[in-house]
Each structure stands twice: as C-alpha cells, then as structure tokens.
Amino acid sequence: MRLRARKVCLRVDEELLEEFTQVARLLGMSRSEAIRKAMEMFIASNRPGRGSSMTARMRGLVRSGLSLKELEEMYLKPK
C-alpha cells in the first residue's frame, strides 16, 4: 500500500535554506528528499521506546573527555 504524500509549508531562515539546498545538491538529493531523510532521522533518534533514548545516549558524555567534534559525530550519527 502506498501512502499519500502531503505538501508541507514552513518558514526557515534564508541562509539556512541556502546552505541546506547546497548540501542536498552535493549529495545528489532534491531538497524534498533531504527534508524527508532529515525527518526520518529525527523520528528515529527521538522516538520514545525505540532503542536507547537521547538521554541514555548522552549519559556519561559530559565527563567522557571527548572533543566537541567527537560529541557531534556521536550525536549526529544515524542509527
């Protein structure tokens, strides 16, 4: 069964949109494809009861001695 797509309109800072569009193009994706992927990743990483919660994943990181880059990579890494 195919789900019906719905159109969504949102307001976003012009600079953020320009940078997002450039990155999507570099990855060979349309802006719509990239937004759908971002939404899927947001849901997957924040849905209660699915894998570890964000709090559980973040627990212990503050005193771990990881650099900001390492923390960002850990946080942004898709499951």
N, C-alpha and C. Protein backbone atom coordinates (compact mmCIF):
# COMPACT_ATOMS: atom_id res chain seq x y z
N MET A 1 0.83 -1.17 0.00
CA MET A 1 0.00 0.00 0.00
C MET A 1 0.89 1.25 0.00
N ARG A 2 0.61 2.15 -0.88
CA ARG A 2 1.39 3.40 -0.98
C ARG A 2 0.70 4.51 -0.20
N LEU A 3 1.47 5.19 0.62
CA LEU A 3 0.93 6.29 1.39
C LEU A 3 0.85 7.54 0.53
N ARG A 4 -0.17 8.31 0.75
CA ARG A 4 -0.35 9.55 0.01
C ARG A 4 0.57 10.63 0.56
N ALA A 5 1.27 11.30 -0.31
CA ALA A 5 2.17 12.38 0.11
C ALA A 5 1.36 13.64 0.36
N ARG A 6 1.78 14.40 1.36
CA ARG A 6 1.13 15.67 1.68
C ARG A 6 2.13 16.79 1.55
N LYS A 7 1.67 17.92 1.11
CA LYS A 7 2.50 19.10 0.97
C LYS A 7 2.60 19.81 2.32
N VAL A 8 3.81 20.23 2.68
CA VAL A 8 4.05 20.93 3.94
C VAL A 8 4.77 22.24 3.63
N CYS A 9 4.29 23.31 4.21
CA CYS A 9 4.93 24.63 4.04
C CYS A 9 5.50 25.04 5.38
N LEU A 10 6.70 25.62 5.36
CA LEU A 10 7.30 26.08 6.59
C LEU A 10 8.15 27.31 6.34
N ARG A 11 8.40 28.03 7.39
CA ARG A 11 9.26 29.22 7.32
C ARG A 11 10.64 28.82 7.84
N VAL A 12 11.67 29.27 7.12
CA VAL A 12 13.03 28.96 7.52
C VAL A 12 13.93 30.13 7.13
N ASP A 13 14.95 30.36 7.93
CA ASP A 13 15.92 31.41 7.65
C ASP A 13 16.53 31.20 6.27
N GLU A 14 16.66 32.27 5.51
CA GLU A 14 17.16 32.20 4.13
C GLU A 14 18.55 31.57 4.04
N GLU A 15 19.45 31.95 4.95
CA GLU A 15 20.81 31.40 4.92
C GLU A 15 20.79 29.89 5.19
N LEU A 16 19.97 29.47 6.14
CA LEU A 16 19.87 28.05 6.46
C LEU A 16 19.35 27.27 5.25
N LEU A 17 18.34 27.82 4.59
CA LEU A 17 17.77 27.17 3.41
C LEU A 17 18.79 27.06 2.28
N GLU A 18 19.54 28.12 2.05
CA GLU A 18 20.56 28.10 1.00
C GLU A 18 21.62 27.04 1.28
N GLU A 19 22.10 26.99 2.52
CA GLU A 19 23.12 26.00 2.88
C GLU A 19 22.56 24.58 2.79
N PHE A 20 21.34 24.39 3.27
CA PHE A 20 20.69 23.08 3.21
C PHE A 20 20.55 22.62 1.76
N THR A 21 20.13 23.53 0.87
CA THR A 21 19.95 23.20 -0.55
C THR A 21 21.29 22.83 -1.18
N GLN A 22 22.34 23.56 -0.85
CA GLN A 22 23.67 23.26 -1.40
C GLN A 22 24.14 21.87 -0.97
N VAL A 23 23.97 21.56 0.31
CA VAL A 23 24.41 20.25 0.81
C VAL A 23 23.58 19.13 0.16
N ALA A 24 22.28 19.34 0.04
CA ALA A 24 21.42 18.33 -0.60
C ALA A 24 21.89 18.09 -2.03
N ARG A 25 22.18 19.14 -2.76
CA ARG A 25 22.65 19.01 -4.15
C ARG A 25 23.98 18.26 -4.21
N LEU A 26 24.89 18.58 -3.27
CA LEU A 26 26.18 17.88 -3.24
C LEU A 26 25.99 16.38 -3.04
N LEU A 27 24.93 16.01 -2.32
CA LEU A 27 24.64 14.60 -2.07
C LEU A 27 23.76 13.98 -3.16
N GLY A 28 23.44 14.78 -4.18
CA GLY A 28 22.63 14.28 -5.28
C GLY A 28 21.16 14.11 -4.91
N MET A 29 20.71 14.90 -3.96
CA MET A 29 19.33 14.81 -3.49
C MET A 29 18.59 16.11 -3.79
N SER A 30 17.29 15.98 -3.99
CA SER A 30 16.47 17.18 -4.07
C SER A 30 16.29 17.70 -2.65
N ARG A 31 15.85 18.93 -2.53
CA ARG A 31 15.59 19.49 -1.21
C ARG A 31 14.50 18.68 -0.51
N SER A 32 13.47 18.28 -1.24
CA SER A 32 12.39 17.48 -0.65
C SER A 32 12.89 16.14 -0.14
N GLU A 33 13.76 15.48 -0.92
CA GLU A 33 14.33 14.20 -0.48
C GLU A 33 15.13 14.38 0.81
N ALA A 34 15.93 15.46 0.85
CA ALA A 34 16.77 15.71 2.03
C ALA A 34 15.91 16.03 3.26
N ILE A 35 14.82 16.76 3.06
CA ILE A 35 13.94 17.07 4.19
C ILE A 35 13.27 15.80 4.69
N ARG A 36 12.82 14.93 3.78
CA ARG A 36 12.22 13.66 4.20
C ARG A 36 13.22 12.83 5.00
N LYS A 37 14.47 12.76 4.52
CA LYS A 37 15.51 12.00 5.21
C LYS A 37 15.78 12.60 6.59
N ALA A 38 15.84 13.93 6.68
CA ALA A 38 16.06 14.59 7.96
C ALA A 38 14.92 14.28 8.92
N MET A 39 13.69 14.27 8.43
CA MET A 39 12.54 13.96 9.27
C MET A 39 12.61 12.52 9.77
N GLU A 40 12.98 11.59 8.89
CA GLU A 40 13.11 10.18 9.29
C GLU A 40 14.18 10.02 10.36
N MET A 41 15.32 10.70 10.19
CA MET A 41 16.40 10.60 11.16
C MET A 41 15.99 11.22 12.49
N PHE A 42 15.26 12.33 12.45
CA PHE A 42 14.78 12.99 13.67
C PHE A 42 13.85 12.05 14.44
N ILE A 43 12.93 11.43 13.73
CA ILE A 43 11.99 10.50 14.37
C ILE A 43 12.73 9.31 14.95
N ALA A 44 13.63 8.72 14.17
CA ALA A 44 14.36 7.54 14.62
C ALA A 44 15.20 7.81 15.86
N SER A 45 15.77 8.99 15.94
CA SER A 45 16.65 9.28 17.08
C SER A 45 15.91 9.82 18.30
N ASN A 46 14.64 10.16 18.16
CA ASN A 46 13.91 10.77 19.27
C ASN A 46 12.65 10.03 19.68
N ARG A 47 12.28 8.97 18.97
CA ARG A 47 11.05 8.25 19.30
C ARG A 47 11.22 7.49 20.61
N PRO A 48 10.32 7.73 21.58
CA PRO A 48 10.39 7.01 22.85
C PRO A 48 10.18 5.51 22.64
N GLY A 49 10.94 4.72 23.39
CA GLY A 49 10.78 3.28 23.34
C GLY A 49 11.48 2.59 22.19
N ARG A 50 12.15 3.33 21.35
CA ARG A 50 12.88 2.74 20.23
C ARG A 50 14.37 2.83 20.52
N GLY A 51 15.00 1.73 20.82
CA GLY A 51 16.43 1.75 21.12
C GLY A 51 16.69 2.55 22.38
N SER A 52 17.80 3.20 22.43
CA SER A 52 18.11 3.99 23.61
C SER A 52 17.57 5.41 23.43
N SER A 53 17.15 5.99 24.51
CA SER A 53 16.64 7.36 24.45
C SER A 53 17.81 8.32 24.28
N MET A 54 17.50 9.54 23.88
CA MET A 54 18.56 10.53 23.71
C MET A 54 19.28 10.76 25.04
N THR A 55 18.52 10.77 26.14
CA THR A 55 19.13 10.95 27.46
C THR A 55 20.10 9.82 27.75
N ALA A 56 19.70 8.60 27.46
CA ALA A 56 20.58 7.46 27.71
C ALA A 56 21.83 7.54 26.84
N ARG A 57 21.67 7.96 25.58
CA ARG A 57 22.83 8.06 24.70
C ARG A 57 23.78 9.16 25.15
N MET A 58 23.22 10.24 25.74
CA MET A 58 24.05 11.36 26.15
C MET A 58 24.68 11.14 27.52
N ARG A 59 24.12 10.22 28.32
CA ARG A 59 24.61 9.98 29.67
C ARG A 59 26.10 9.62 29.64
N GLY A 60 26.86 10.26 30.43
CA GLY A 60 28.29 9.96 30.54
C GLY A 60 29.16 10.72 29.56
N LEU A 61 28.58 11.42 28.60
CA LEU A 61 29.39 12.11 27.61
C LEU A 61 30.05 13.37 28.18
N VAL A 62 29.41 14.01 29.12
CA VAL A 62 29.93 15.26 29.65
C VAL A 62 31.30 15.06 30.28
N ARG A 63 31.48 13.99 30.99
CA ARG A 63 32.76 13.73 31.65
C ARG A 63 33.63 12.73 30.89
N SER A 64 33.29 12.48 29.65
CA SER A 64 34.00 11.44 28.91
C SER A 64 35.34 11.90 28.36
N GLY A 65 35.55 13.20 28.29
CA GLY A 65 36.80 13.70 27.73
C GLY A 65 36.79 13.74 26.21
N LEU A 66 35.62 13.55 25.60
CA LEU A 66 35.52 13.61 24.14
C LEU A 66 35.58 15.06 23.69
N SER A 67 36.14 15.27 22.50
CA SER A 67 36.17 16.62 21.94
C SER A 67 34.78 16.98 21.41
N LEU A 68 34.57 18.26 21.14
CA LEU A 68 33.30 18.70 20.59
C LEU A 68 33.02 17.99 19.27
N LYS A 69 34.03 17.84 18.44
CA LYS A 69 33.86 17.14 17.15
C LYS A 69 33.41 15.70 17.38
N GLU A 70 34.03 15.01 18.32
CA GLU A 70 33.65 13.63 18.62
C GLU A 70 32.22 13.55 19.15
N LEU A 71 31.83 14.52 20.00
CA LEU A 71 30.47 14.55 20.52
C LEU A 71 29.46 14.77 19.40
N GLU A 72 29.78 15.72 18.48
CA GLU A 72 28.89 15.99 17.36
C GLU A 72 28.75 14.77 16.47
N GLU A 73 29.86 14.09 16.18
CA GLU A 73 29.81 12.89 15.35
C GLU A 73 28.95 11.81 16.01
N MET A 74 29.10 11.66 17.32
CA MET A 74 28.33 10.66 18.04
C MET A 74 26.85 11.02 18.02
N TYR A 75 26.55 12.29 18.23
CA TYR A 75 25.16 12.74 18.29
C TYR A 75 24.49 12.68 16.93
N LEU A 76 25.21 13.08 15.86
CA LEU A 76 24.62 13.16 14.53
C LEU A 76 24.64 11.86 13.76
N LYS A 77 25.35 10.87 14.27
CA LYS A 77 25.46 9.58 13.57
C LYS A 77 24.10 8.87 13.55
N PRO A 78 23.58 8.58 12.32
CA PRO A 78 22.28 7.89 12.26
C PRO A 78 22.39 6.47 12.76
N LYS A 79 21.29 6.00 13.34
CA LYS A 79 21.26 4.62 13.87
C LYS A 79 20.98 3.65 12.77
